[in-house]
C-alpha atoms as a PDB file:
ATOM      1  CA  MET A   1      16.112  32.525  32.823  1.00  0.00           C
ATOM      2  CA  PHE A   2      16.226  29.180  31.018  1.00  0.00           C
ATOM      3  CA  ILE A   3      12.543  29.425  30.101  1.00  0.00           C
ATOM      4  CA  VAL A   4      12.984  33.023  28.925  1.00  0.00           C
ATOM      5  CA  ARG A   5      15.964  32.064  26.749  1.00  0.00           C
ATOM      6  CA  ARG A   6      14.074  29.139  25.232  1.00  0.00           C
ATOM      7  CA  LEU A   7      11.037  31.326  24.534  1.00  0.00           C
ATOM      8  CA  LEU A   8      13.238  33.951  22.893  1.00  0.00           C
ATOM      9  CA  ALA A   9      14.824  31.199  20.794  1.00  0.00           C
ATOM     10  CA  PHE A  10      11.382  30.562  19.323  1.00  0.00           C
ATOM     11  CA  ILE A  11      11.643  33.807  17.336  1.00  0.00           C
ATOM     12  CA  PRO A  12      14.638  33.008  15.072  1.00  0.00           C
ATOM     13  CA  VAL A  13      13.483  29.397  14.671  1.00  0.00           C
ATOM     14  CA  MET A  14      10.038  30.513  13.550  1.00  0.00           C
ATOM     15  CA  ILE A  15      11.569  33.011  11.103  1.00  0.00           C
ATOM     16  CA  ILE A  16      13.759  30.278   9.589  1.00  0.00           C
ATOM     17  CA  VAL A  17      10.828  27.858   9.375  1.00  0.00           C
ATOM     18  CA  ALA A  18       8.650  30.548   7.811  1.00  0.00           C
ATOM     19  CA  LEU A  19      11.357  31.394   5.253  1.00  0.00           C
ATOM     20  CA  ILE A  20      11.901  27.753   4.280  1.00  0.00           C
ATOM     21  CA  VAL A  21       8.185  27.057   3.891  1.00  0.00           C
ATOM     22  CA  PHE A  22       7.648  30.299   1.995  1.00  0.00           C
ATOM     23  CA  LEU A  23      10.452  29.595  -0.489  1.00  0.00           C
ATOM     24  CA  MET A  24       9.485  25.934  -0.957  1.00  0.00           C
ATOM     25  CA  LEU A  25       5.929  26.899  -1.824  1.00  0.00           C
ATOM     26  CA  HIS A  26       6.683  29.862  -4.067  1.00  0.00           C
ATOM     27  CA  LEU A  27       9.559  28.257  -5.962  1.00  0.00           C
ATOM     28  CA  SER A  28       7.882  24.894  -6.554  1.00  0.00           C
ATOM     29  CA  PRO A  29       5.935  24.211  -9.788  1.00  0.00           C
ATOM     30  CA  GLY A  30       2.259  25.148  -9.931  1.00  0.00           C
ATOM     31  CA  ASP A  31       0.231  28.335  -9.756  1.00  0.00           C
ATOM     32  CA  PRO A  32      -2.667  28.826  -7.323  1.00  0.00           C
ATOM     33  CA  VAL A  33      -3.928  31.760  -9.398  1.00  0.00           C
ATOM     34  CA  ALA A  34      -4.598  29.504 -12.373  1.00  0.00           C
ATOM     35  CA  ALA A  35      -6.536  27.111 -10.122  1.00  0.00           C
ATOM     36  CA  ILE A  36      -8.590  29.957  -8.676  1.00  0.00           C
ATOM     37  CA  ALA A  37      -9.318  31.518 -12.045  1.00  0.00           C
ATOM     38  CA  GLY A  38     -10.404  28.257 -13.675  1.00  0.00           C
ATOM     39  CA  ASP A  39      -9.813  26.831 -17.141  1.00  0.00           C
ATOM     40  CA  SER A  40     -11.937  29.424 -18.923  1.00  0.00           C
ATOM     41  CA  ALA A  41     -10.136  32.446 -17.435  1.00  0.00           C
ATOM     42  CA  THR A  42      -8.397  34.898 -19.726  1.00  0.00           C
ATOM     43  CA  ALA A  43      -4.917  36.308 -19.250  1.00  0.00           C
ATOM     44  CA  GLU A  44      -6.469  39.536 -17.969  1.00  0.00           C
ATOM     45  CA  ASP A  45      -8.448  37.612 -15.335  1.00  0.00           C
ATOM     46  CA  ILE A  46      -5.334  35.808 -14.147  1.00  0.00           C
ATOM     47  CA  ALA A  47      -3.357  39.058 -13.977  1.00  0.00           C
ATOM     48  CA  ARG A  48      -6.150  40.758 -12.013  1.00  0.00           C
ATOM     49  CA  ILE A  49      -6.392  37.915  -9.454  1.00  0.00           C
ATOM     50  CA  ARG A  50      -2.611  37.832  -9.114  1.00  0.00           C
ATOM     51  CA  ALA A  51      -2.559  41.555  -8.372  1.00  0.00           C
ATOM     52  CA  GLU A  52      -5.408  41.235  -5.830  1.00  0.00           C
ATOM     53  CA  LEU A  53      -3.526  38.504  -3.975  1.00  0.00           C
ATOM     54  CA  GLY A  54      -0.241  40.397  -4.122  1.00  0.00           C
ATOM     55  CA  LEU A  55       1.466  37.576  -6.002  1.00  0.00           C
ATOM     56  CA  ASP A  56       2.776  39.928  -8.688  1.00  0.00           C
ATOM     57  CA  ASP A  57       5.129  41.592  -6.172  1.00  0.00           C
ATOM     58  CA  PRO A  58       8.771  40.471  -5.893  1.00  0.00           C
ATOM     59  CA  ILE A  59       9.117  37.398  -3.716  1.00  0.00           C
ATOM     60  CA  TRP A  60      11.136  39.234  -1.070  1.00  0.00           C
ATOM     61  CA  MET A  61       8.359  41.829  -0.754  1.00  0.00           C
ATOM     62  CA  GLN A  62       5.707  39.121  -0.440  1.00  0.00           C
ATOM     63  CA  PHE A  63       7.714  37.517   2.366  1.00  0.00           C
ATOM     64  CA  TYR A  64       8.197  40.878   4.099  1.00  0.00           C
ATOM     65  CA  HIS A  65       4.486  41.707   4.014  1.00  0.00           C
ATOM     66  CA  TRP A  66       3.576  38.235   5.249  1.00  0.00           C
ATOM     67  CA  MET A  67       6.062  38.409   8.140  1.00  0.00           C
ATOM     68  CA  ILE A  68       4.796  41.826   9.237  1.00  0.00           C
ATOM     69  CA  ALA A  69       1.221  40.529   9.227  1.00  0.00           C
ATOM     70  CA  MET A  70       2.247  37.345  11.075  1.00  0.00           C
ATOM     71  CA  LEU A  71       3.922  39.343  13.860  1.00  0.00           C
ATOM     72  CA  GLN A  72       0.577  41.108  14.314  1.00  0.00           C
ATOM     73  CA  GLY A  73      -1.231  37.772  14.643  1.00  0.00           C
ATOM     74  CA  ASP A  74      -2.586  37.762  11.096  1.00  0.00           C
ATOM     75  CA  LEU A  75      -1.702  34.625   9.116  1.00  0.00           C
ATOM     76  CA  GLY A  76      -3.539  35.825   6.040  1.00  0.00           C
ATOM     77  CA  GLN A  77      -6.651  34.834   4.166  1.00  0.00           C
ATOM     78  CA  SER A  78      -7.180  31.438   2.588  1.00  0.00           C
ATOM     79  CA  TYR A  79      -7.205  31.690  -1.192  1.00  0.00           C
ATOM     80  CA  PHE A  80      -9.845  29.035  -1.756  1.00  0.00           C
ATOM     81  CA  LEU A  81     -11.913  29.028   1.441  1.00  0.00           C
ATOM     82  CA  ASN A  82     -11.861  32.843   1.649  1.00  0.00           C
ATOM     83  CA  ARG A  83     -11.628  32.801   5.433  1.00  0.00           C
ATOM     84  CA  PRO A  84      -8.868  33.892   7.849  1.00  0.00           C
ATOM     85  CA  VAL A  85      -6.242  31.183   8.348  1.00  0.00           C
ATOM     86  CA  VAL A  86      -6.367  31.662  12.131  1.00  0.00           C
ATOM     87  CA  THR A  87     -10.107  30.955  12.102  1.00  0.00           C
ATOM     88  CA  LEU A  88      -9.679  27.835   9.957  1.00  0.00           C
ATOM     89  CA  ILE A  89      -6.992  26.461  12.289  1.00  0.00           C
ATOM     90  CA  ALA A  90      -9.120  27.217  15.351  1.00  0.00           C
ATOM     91  CA  ASP A  91     -12.096  25.393  13.802  1.00  0.00           C
ATOM     92  CA  ARG A  92     -10.064  22.260  13.010  1.00  0.00           C
ATOM     93  CA  ILE A  93      -7.728  22.084  15.997  1.00  0.00           C
ATOM     94  CA  GLY A  94     -10.203  20.281  18.286  1.00  0.00           C
ATOM     95  CA  PRO A  95     -10.330  16.909  16.469  1.00  0.00           C
ATOM     96  CA  THR A  96      -6.568  16.890  15.910  1.00  0.00           C
ATOM     97  CA  LEU A  97      -5.673  17.611  19.544  1.00  0.00           C
ATOM     98  CA  SER A  98      -8.295  15.118  20.729  1.00  0.00           C
ATOM     99  CA  LEU A  99      -6.853  12.369  18.539  1.00  0.00           C
ATOM    100  CA  ALA A 100      -3.260  13.203  19.449  1.00  0.00           C
ATOM    101  CA  GLY A 101      -3.993  13.459  23.182  1.00  0.00           C
ATOM    102  CA  PHE A 102      -6.049  10.260  23.252  1.00  0.00           C
ATOM    103  CA  THR A 103      -3.272   8.439  21.387  1.00  0.00           C
ATOM    104  CA  ILE A 104      -0.511   9.704  23.686  1.00  0.00           C
ATOM    105  CA  VAL A 105      -2.376   8.737  26.865  1.00  0.00           C
ATOM    106  CA  LEU A 106      -3.248   5.300  25.504  1.00  0.00           C
ATOM    107  CA  THR A 107       0.322   4.745  24.303  1.00  0.00           C
ATOM    108  CA  VAL A 108       1.950   5.690  27.611  1.00  0.00           C
ATOM    109  CA  LEU A 109      -0.506   3.645  29.681  1.00  0.00           C
ATOM    110  CA  ILE A 110       0.306   0.539  27.612  1.00  0.00           C
ATOM    111  CA  SER A 111       3.944   0.924  26.579  1.00  0.00           C
ATOM    112  CA  VAL A 112       5.590   1.996  29.851  1.00  0.00           C
ATOM    113  CA  PRO A 113       4.163  -0.854  32.022  1.00  0.00           C
ATOM    114  CA  LEU A 114       4.784  -3.318  29.180  1.00  0.00           C
ATOM    115  CA  GLY A 115       8.395  -2.246  28.720  1.00  0.00           C
ATOM    116  CA  THR A 116       9.014  -2.198  32.482  1.00  0.00           C
ATOM    117  CA  TRP A 117       7.637  -5.713  32.934  1.00  0.00           C
ATOM    118  CA  ALA A 118       9.655  -6.972  29.948  1.00  0.00           C
ATOM    119  CA  ALA A 119      12.826  -5.552  31.532  1.00  0.00           C
ATOM    120  CA  TYR A 120      11.980  -7.162  34.871  1.00  0.00           C
ATOM    121  CA  ARG A 121      11.306 -10.537  33.235  1.00  0.00           C
ATOM    122  CA  GLN A 122      14.066 -10.500  30.621  1.00  0.00           C
ATOM    123  CA  GLY A 123      13.918 -13.533  28.387  1.00  0.00           C
ATOM    124  CA  GLY A 124      10.348 -14.344  29.411  1.00  0.00           C
ATOM    125  CA  TRP A 125       7.362 -14.621  27.132  1.00  0.00           C
ATOM    126  CA  VAL A 126       6.408 -10.975  27.655  1.00  0.00           C
ATOM    127  CA  ASP A 127       9.898  -9.900  26.627  1.00  0.00           C
ATOM    128  CA  ARG A 128       9.878 -12.064  23.508  1.00  0.00           C
ATOM    129  CA  ALA A 129       6.348 -10.987  22.594  1.00  0.00           C
ATOM    130  CA  LEU A 130       7.389  -7.338  22.948  1.00  0.00           C
ATOM    131  CA  MET A 131      10.318  -7.843  20.598  1.00  0.00           C
ATOM    132  CA  ALA A 132       8.066  -9.501  18.008  1.00  0.00           C
ATOM    133  CA  PHE A 133       5.386  -6.805  18.367  1.00  0.00           C
ATOM    134  CA  SER A 134       8.028  -4.076  17.981  1.00  0.00           C
ATOM    135  CA  VAL A 135       9.197  -5.498  14.664  1.00  0.00           C
ATOM    136  CA  LEU A 136       5.591  -5.828  13.506  1.00  0.00           C
ATOM    137  CA  GLY A 137       4.638  -2.348  14.692  1.00  0.00           C
ATOM    138  CA  PHE A 138       7.545  -0.704  12.861  1.00  0.00           C
ATOM    139  CA  SER A 139       6.846  -2.674   9.681  1.00  0.00           C
ATOM    140  CA  ILE A 140       3.146  -1.962   9.079  1.00  0.00           C
ATOM    141  CA  PRO A 141       2.303   1.482   7.625  1.00  0.00           C
ATOM    142  CA  ALA A 142      -0.316   3.380   9.606  1.00  0.00           C
ATOM    143  CA  PHE A 143      -2.770   3.674   6.713  1.00  0.00           C
ATOM    144  CA  VAL A 144      -2.628  -0.100   6.028  1.00  0.00           C
ATOM    145  CA  LEU A 145      -3.336  -0.889   9.672  1.00  0.00           C
ATOM    146  CA  GLY A 146      -6.097   1.723   9.677  1.00  0.00           C
ATOM    147  CA  TYR A 147      -7.913   0.130   6.754  1.00  0.00           C
ATOM    148  CA  CYS A 148      -7.530  -3.332   8.326  1.00  0.00           C
ATOM    149  CA  LEU A 149      -9.079  -2.081  11.573  1.00  0.00           C
ATOM    150  CA  VAL A 150     -11.884  -0.386   9.661  1.00  0.00           C
ATOM    151  CA  TRP A 151     -12.686  -3.629   7.856  1.00  0.00           C
ATOM    152  CA  PHE A 152     -12.423  -5.952  10.861  1.00  0.00           C
ATOM    153  CA  LEU A 153     -13.557  -3.975  13.918  1.00  0.00           C
ATOM    154  CA  GLY A 154     -15.768  -1.502  12.089  1.00  0.00           C
ATOM    155  CA  LEU A 155     -17.416  -3.256   9.148  1.00  0.00           C
ATOM    156  CA  HIS A 156     -17.073  -6.960  10.016  1.00  0.00           C
ATOM    157  CA  LEU A 157     -17.696  -6.901  13.789  1.00  0.00           C
ATOM    158  CA  ASN A 158     -19.469  -3.512  13.826  1.00  0.00           C
ATOM    159  CA  ILE A 159     -17.965  -2.583  17.199  1.00  0.00           C
ATOM    160  CA  PHE A 160     -16.707   0.942  16.525  1.00  0.00           C
ATOM    161  CA  PRO A 161     -17.671   3.688  14.049  1.00  0.00           C
ATOM    162  CA  THR A 162     -15.322   3.861  11.101  1.00  0.00           C
ATOM    163  CA  GLN A 163     -15.587   7.498  10.019  1.00  0.00           C
ATOM    164  CA  GLY A 164     -16.371  10.952  11.315  1.00  0.00           C
ATOM    165  CA  TYR A 165     -15.923  12.786  14.572  1.00  0.00           C
ATOM    166  CA  VAL A 166     -18.211  13.743  17.453  1.00  0.00           C
ATOM    167  CA  ARG A 167     -17.319  16.622  19.758  1.00  0.00           C
ATOM    168  CA  TYR A 168     -16.958  15.825  23.443  1.00  0.00           C
ATOM    169  CA  ASP A 169     -19.482  18.502  24.410  1.00  0.00           C
ATOM    170  CA  GLU A 170     -22.075  16.781  22.212  1.00  0.00           C
ATOM    171  CA  SER A 171     -21.546  13.226  23.458  1.00  0.00           C
ATOM    172  CA  ILE A 172     -18.703  11.862  25.593  1.00  0.00           C
ATOM    173  CA  GLU A 173     -19.524   8.319  24.524  1.00  0.00           C
ATOM    174  CA  GLY A 174     -19.599   9.273  20.840  1.00  0.00           C
ATOM    175  CA  TRP A 175     -16.363  11.259  21.212  1.00  0.00           C
ATOM    176  CA  ILE A 176     -14.515   8.282  22.711  1.00  0.00           C
ATOM    177  CA  SER A 177     -15.975   5.700  20.320  1.00  0.00           C
ATOM    178  CA  HIS A 178     -14.963   7.728  17.244  1.00  0.00           C
ATOM    179  CA  LEU A 179     -11.396   8.117  18.550  1.00  0.00           C
ATOM    180  CA  ILE A 180     -10.710   4.487  19.453  1.00  0.00           C
ATOM    181  CA  LEU A 181      -9.958   3.091  15.979  1.00  0.00           C
ATOM    182  CA  PRO A 182      -7.736   5.970  14.794  1.00  0.00           C
ATOM    183  CA  SER A 183      -5.953   5.995  18.167  1.00  0.00           C
ATOM    184  CA  ILE A 184      -5.251   2.261  17.967  1.00  0.00           C
ATOM    185  CA  THR A 185      -3.937   2.801  14.442  1.00  0.00           C
ATOM    186  CA  LEU A 186      -1.454   5.404  15.678  1.00  0.00           C
ATOM    187  CA  CYS A 187      -0.691   3.601  18.936  1.00  0.00           C
ATOM    188  CA  CYS A 188       0.874   0.497  17.424  1.00  0.00           C
ATOM    189  CA  ILE A 189       3.935   2.307  16.108  1.00  0.00           C
ATOM    190  CA  TYR A 190       4.505   4.384  19.238  1.00  0.00           C
ATOM    191  CA  ILE A 191       3.837   1.534  21.659  1.00  0.00           C
ATOM    192  CA  ALA A 192       6.550  -0.431  19.865  1.00  0.00           C
ATOM    193  CA  LEU A 193       8.960   2.523  20.033  1.00  0.00           C
ATOM    194  CA  ILE A 194       8.368   3.598  23.637  1.00  0.00           C
ATOM    195  CA  ALA A 195       8.130   0.041  25.005  1.00  0.00           C
ATOM    196  CA  ARG A 196      11.479  -0.875  23.423  1.00  0.00           C
ATOM    197  CA  VAL A 197      13.196   2.184  24.905  1.00  0.00           C
ATOM    198  CA  THR A 198      11.516   1.611  28.286  1.00  0.00           C
ATOM    199  CA  ARG A 199      12.641  -2.001  28.316  1.00  0.00           C
ATOM    200  CA  ALA A 200      16.255  -1.091  27.492  1.00  0.00           C
ATOM    201  CA  SER A 201      16.415   1.810  29.989  1.00  0.00           C
ATOM    202  CA  VAL A 202      14.833  -0.093  32.878  1.00  0.00           C
ATOM    203  CA  ALA A 203      16.968  -3.178  32.184  1.00  0.00           C
ATOM    204  CA  GLU A 204      20.098  -1.025  32.368  1.00  0.00           C
ATOM    205  CA  ALA A 205      18.922   0.596  35.600  1.00  0.00           C
ATOM    206  CA  LEU A 206      18.155  -2.780  37.185  1.00  0.00           C
ATOM    207  CA  SER A 207      21.745  -3.892  36.611  1.00  0.00           C
ATOM    208  CA  GLU A 208      23.178  -1.051  38.722  1.00  0.00           C
ATOM    209  CA  ASP A 209      24.672  -1.494  42.182  1.00  0.00           C
ATOM    210  CA  TYR A 210      22.041   0.616  43.939  1.00  0.00           C
ATOM    211  CA  ILE A 211      19.373  -1.880  42.859  1.00  0.00           C
ATOM    212  CA  ARG A 212      21.308  -4.685  44.513  1.00  0.00           C
ATOM    213  CA  THR A 213      21.712  -2.519  47.618  1.00  0.00           C
ATOM    214  CA  ALA A 214      17.982  -1.757  47.731  1.00  0.00           C
ATOM    215  CA  ARG A 215      17.161  -5.449  47.512  1.00  0.00           C
ATOM    216  CA  ALA A 216      19.698  -6.246  50.231  1.00  0.00           C
ATOM    217  CA  LYS A 217      17.901  -3.781  52.516  1.00  0.00           C
ATOM    218  CA  GLY A 218      14.721  -5.824  52.126  1.00  0.00           C
ATOM    219  CA  ILE A 219      12.774  -3.240  50.145  1.00  0.00           C
ATOM    220  CA  ALA A 220       9.699  -4.691  48.454  1.00  0.00           C
ATOM    221  CA  GLU A 221      10.356  -5.810  44.889  1.00  0.00           C
ATOM    222  CA  TRP A 222       7.654  -3.609  43.413  1.00  0.00           C
ATOM    223  CA  ARG A 223       9.217  -0.561  45.089  1.00  0.00           C
ATOM    224  CA  VAL A 224      12.625  -1.534  43.767  1.00  0.00           C
ATOM    225  CA  LEU A 225      11.217  -1.864  40.276  1.00  0.00           C
ATOM    226  CA  LEU A 226       9.206   1.363  40.286  1.00  0.00           C
ATOM    227  CA  ARG A 227      10.998   3.680  42.692  1.00  0.00           C
ATOM    228  CA  HIS A 228      14.582   2.743  41.844  1.00  0.00           C
ATOM    229  CA  GLY A 229      14.390   1.112  38.429  1.00  0.00           C
ATOM    230  CA  LEU A 230      11.735   2.996  36.484  1.00  0.00           C
ATOM    231  CA  ALA A 231      12.365   6.347  38.167  1.00  0.00           C
ATOM    232  CA  ASN A 232      16.068   6.311  37.290  1.00  0.00           C
ATOM    233  CA  ALA A 233      15.273   5.295  33.708  1.00  0.00           C
ATOM    234  CA  ALA A 234      12.656   8.034  33.255  1.00  0.00           C
ATOM    235  CA  VAL A 235      14.786  10.607  31.416  1.00  0.00           C
ATOM    236  CA  PRO A 236      15.351   8.595  28.195  1.00  0.00           C
ATOM    237  CA  ILE A 237      11.750   7.370  28.351  1.00  0.00           C
ATOM    238  CA  VAL A 238      10.390  10.917  28.576  1.00  0.00           C
ATOM    239  CA  THR A 239      12.727  11.953  25.760  1.00  0.00           C
ATOM    240  CA  VAL A 240      11.453   9.283  23.397  1.00  0.00           C
ATOM    241  CA  ILE A 241       7.858  10.135  24.337  1.00  0.00           C
ATOM    242  CA  GLY A 242       8.565  13.715  23.263  1.00  0.00           C
ATOM    243  CA  VAL A 243      10.108  12.506  19.999  1.00  0.00           C
ATOM    244  CA  GLY A 244       7.102  10.232  19.485  1.00  0.00           C
ATOM    245  CA  ILE A 245       4.748  13.180  19.875  1.00  0.00           C
ATOM    246  CA  ALA A 246       6.641  15.006  17.132  1.00  0.00           C
ATOM    247  CA  ILE A 247       6.381  11.983  14.821  1.00  0.00           C
ATOM    248  CA  LEU A 248       2.728  11.678  15.793  1.00  0.00           C
ATOM    249  CA  ILE A 249       1.999  14.988  14.079  1.00  0.00           C
ATOM    250  CA  GLY A 250       2.791  13.423  10.717  1.00  0.00           C
ATOM    251  CA  GLY A 251       0.833  10.272  11.517  1.00  0.00           C
ATOM    252  CA  VAL A 252      -2.251  12.262  12.436  1.00  0.00           C
ATOM    253  CA  VAL A 253      -2.395  13.725   8.903  1.00  0.00           C
ATOM    254  CA  VAL A 254      -2.646  10.291   7.279  1.00  0.00           C
ATOM    255  CA  THR A 255      -4.938   8.832   9.933  1.00  0.00           C
ATOM    256  CA  GLU A 256      -7.436  11.682   9.688  1.00  0.00           C
ATOM    257  CA  ILE A 257      -7.746  11.024   5.962  1.00  0.00           C
ATOM    258  CA  VAL A 258      -8.366   7.287   6.508  1.00  0.00           C
ATOM    259  CA  PHE A 259     -11.062   7.878   9.142  1.00  0.00           C
ATOM    260  CA  ALA A 260     -12.521  11.070   7.617  1.00  0.00           C
ATOM    261  CA  ILE A 261     -11.813  13.161  10.728  1.00  0.00           C
ATOM    262  CA  PRO A 262     -12.222  16.899  10.040  1.00  0.00           C
ATOM    263  CA  GLY A 263      -8.994  18.003  11.708  1.00  0.00           C
ATOM    264  CA  LEU A 264      -5.836  19.844  10.741  1.00  0.00           C
ATOM    265  CA  GLY A 265      -4.542  16.787   8.886  1.00  0.00           C
ATOM    266  CA  SER A 266      -7.310  16.776   6.312  1.00  0.00           C
ATOM    267  CA  LEU A 267      -7.132  20.585   6.141  1.00  0.00           C
ATOM    268  CA  THR A 268      -3.407  20.312   5.354  1.00  0.00           C
ATOM    269  CA  ILE A 269      -4.016  17.865   2.521  1.00  0.00           C
ATOM    270  CA  ASP A 270      -6.695  20.123   1.032  1.00  0.00           C
ATOM    271  CA  ALA A 271      -4.390  23.145   1.299  1.00  0.00           C
ATOM    272  CA  VAL A 272      -1.491  21.336  -0.376  1.00  0.00           C
ATOM    273  CA  MET A 273      -3.660  19.988  -3.198  1.00  0.00           C
ATOM    274  CA  SER A 274      -5.022  23.469  -3.939  1.00  0.00           C
ATOM    275  CA  ARG A 275      -1.675  25.230  -3.302  1.00  0.00           C
ATOM    276  CA  ASP A 276      -3.280  27.528  -0.752  1.00  0.00           C
ATOM    277  CA  TYR A 277      -0.101  29.364   0.291  1.00  0.00           C
ATOM    278  CA  PRO A 278      -1.374  31.223   3.402  1.00  0.00           C
ATOM    279  CA  LEU A 279      -3.121  28.142   4.772  1.00  0.00           C
ATOM    280  CA  ILE A 280      -0.105  25.856   4.295  1.00  0.00           C
ATOM    281  CA  GLN A 281       2.197  28.403   5.896  1.00  0.00           C
ATOM    282  CA  GLY A 282      -0.143  28.957   8.834  1.00  0.00           C
ATOM    283  CA  ILE A 283      -0.573  25.238   9.568  1.00  0.00           C
ATOM    284  CA  THR A 284       3.166  24.616   9.272  1.00  0.00           C
ATOM    285  CA  LEU A 285       3.953  27.440  11.684  1.00  0.00           C
ATOM    286  CA  PHE A 286       1.362  26.143  14.134  1.00  0.00           C
ATOM    287  CA  PHE A 287       2.839  22.626  14.099  1.00  0.00           C
ATOM    288  CA  SER A 288       6.344  24.079  14.459  1.00  0.00           C
ATOM    289  CA  MET A 289       5.349  26.108  17.508  1.00  0.00           C
ATOM    290  CA  LEU A 290       3.593  23.089  18.993  1.00  0.00           C
ATOM    291  CA  TYR A 291       6.694  20.951  18.479  1.00  0.00           C
ATOM    292  CA  MET A 292       8.980  23.556  20.095  1.00  0.00           C
ATOM    293  CA  PHE A 293       6.607  23.927  23.042  1.00  0.00           C
ATOM    294  CA  ILE A 294       6.594  20.141  23.543  1.00  0.00           C
ATOM    295  CA  ASN A 295      10.403  20.134  23.518  1.00  0.00           C
ATOM    296  CA  LEU A 296      10.415  22.880  26.143  1.00  0.00           C
ATOM    297  CA  VAL A 297       8.029  20.925  28.383  1.00  0.00           C
ATOM    298  CA  ILE A 298      10.146  17.770  27.968  1.00  0.00           C
ATOM    299  CA  ASP A 299      13.332  19.665  28.910  1.00  0.00           C
ATOM    300  CA  LEU A 300      11.697  21.130  32.011  1.00  0.00           C
ATOM    301  CA  SER A 301      10.349  17.722  33.053  1.00  0.00           C
ATOM    302  CA  TYR A 302      13.891  16.348  33.350  1.00  0.00           C
ATOM    303  CA  THR A 303      14.328  18.193  36.643  1.00  0.00           C
ATOM    304  CA  LEU A 304      11.364  16.283  38.106  1.00  0.00           C
ATOM    305  CA  PHE A 305      12.892  12.875  37.357  1.00  0.00           C
ATOM    306  CA  ASP A 306      16.568  13.629  37.948  1.00  0.00           C
ATOM    307  CA  PRO A 307      17.370  16.160  40.728  1.00  0.00           C
ATOM    308  CA  ARG A 308      20.957  16.394  39.448  1.00  0.00           C
ATOM    309  CA  ILE A 309      19.757  18.253  36.342  1.00  0.00           C
ATOM    310  CA  ARG A 310      19.658  21.999  36.828  1.00  0.00           C
ATOM    311  CA  TYR A 311      19.084  24.833  34.370  1.00  0.00           C
END
């Protein structure tokens, strides 16, 4: 029942998101019709294009027609690319999900062991280095770090490619090599975030009485650290990983521009610059649904780490 209720809650949330995005786009300055028509268009040309796109209808009617089409799985037609929005999203979703997934896996594999070891060796050099790296990671903008990596690892040392994207079905090696630099660019911020939370959560768990009891029973230290320390600190760690994934969506947009990756990030920038209403709305709804689905998965995962949680 919990899953059903959460899935049903998607409907009003998506309607609210759609309404906000729709009003922000249509009430903000700028006219996509003028951009489509060009500088040499006459008033009659602009009026004709506006009527063809349905932009001369009252705004409430435009929203109603768009919502009815969306409920039928039709997100409209791109004004400038003249293709269905669903098709455009499907064509660009591969690079974006590849970059996001590669970044998440790399971040978790580095940050969780690093934060756990820092909590176990509090005050040691790993702990102090983590604190310094966290400050540095939060301070450097992603696009600045991206350009630095492009210059040093890509152009100076010529280790990794600096631009473009290769599909995994074309070349696994090319797919991985093109994702390394953008993933490292995104990883630094999220490693700092997740490692700090992991360190604090595990350190708190290691100070509990059951840890002292486990050690008194002669349980191996690595089992105490992983089975009793990390496992009992997993809920806040999983929560911040979910929050990091949501923040990652915004970081992917900037990173794809820096590394010329043809994903949803670059498509979003193009849509915003050209005021392509249907495309912006479709991408925003897709990211909103993705974010809500991630939250649902995170909520359900709590029961795996803490048996006391029941829905």
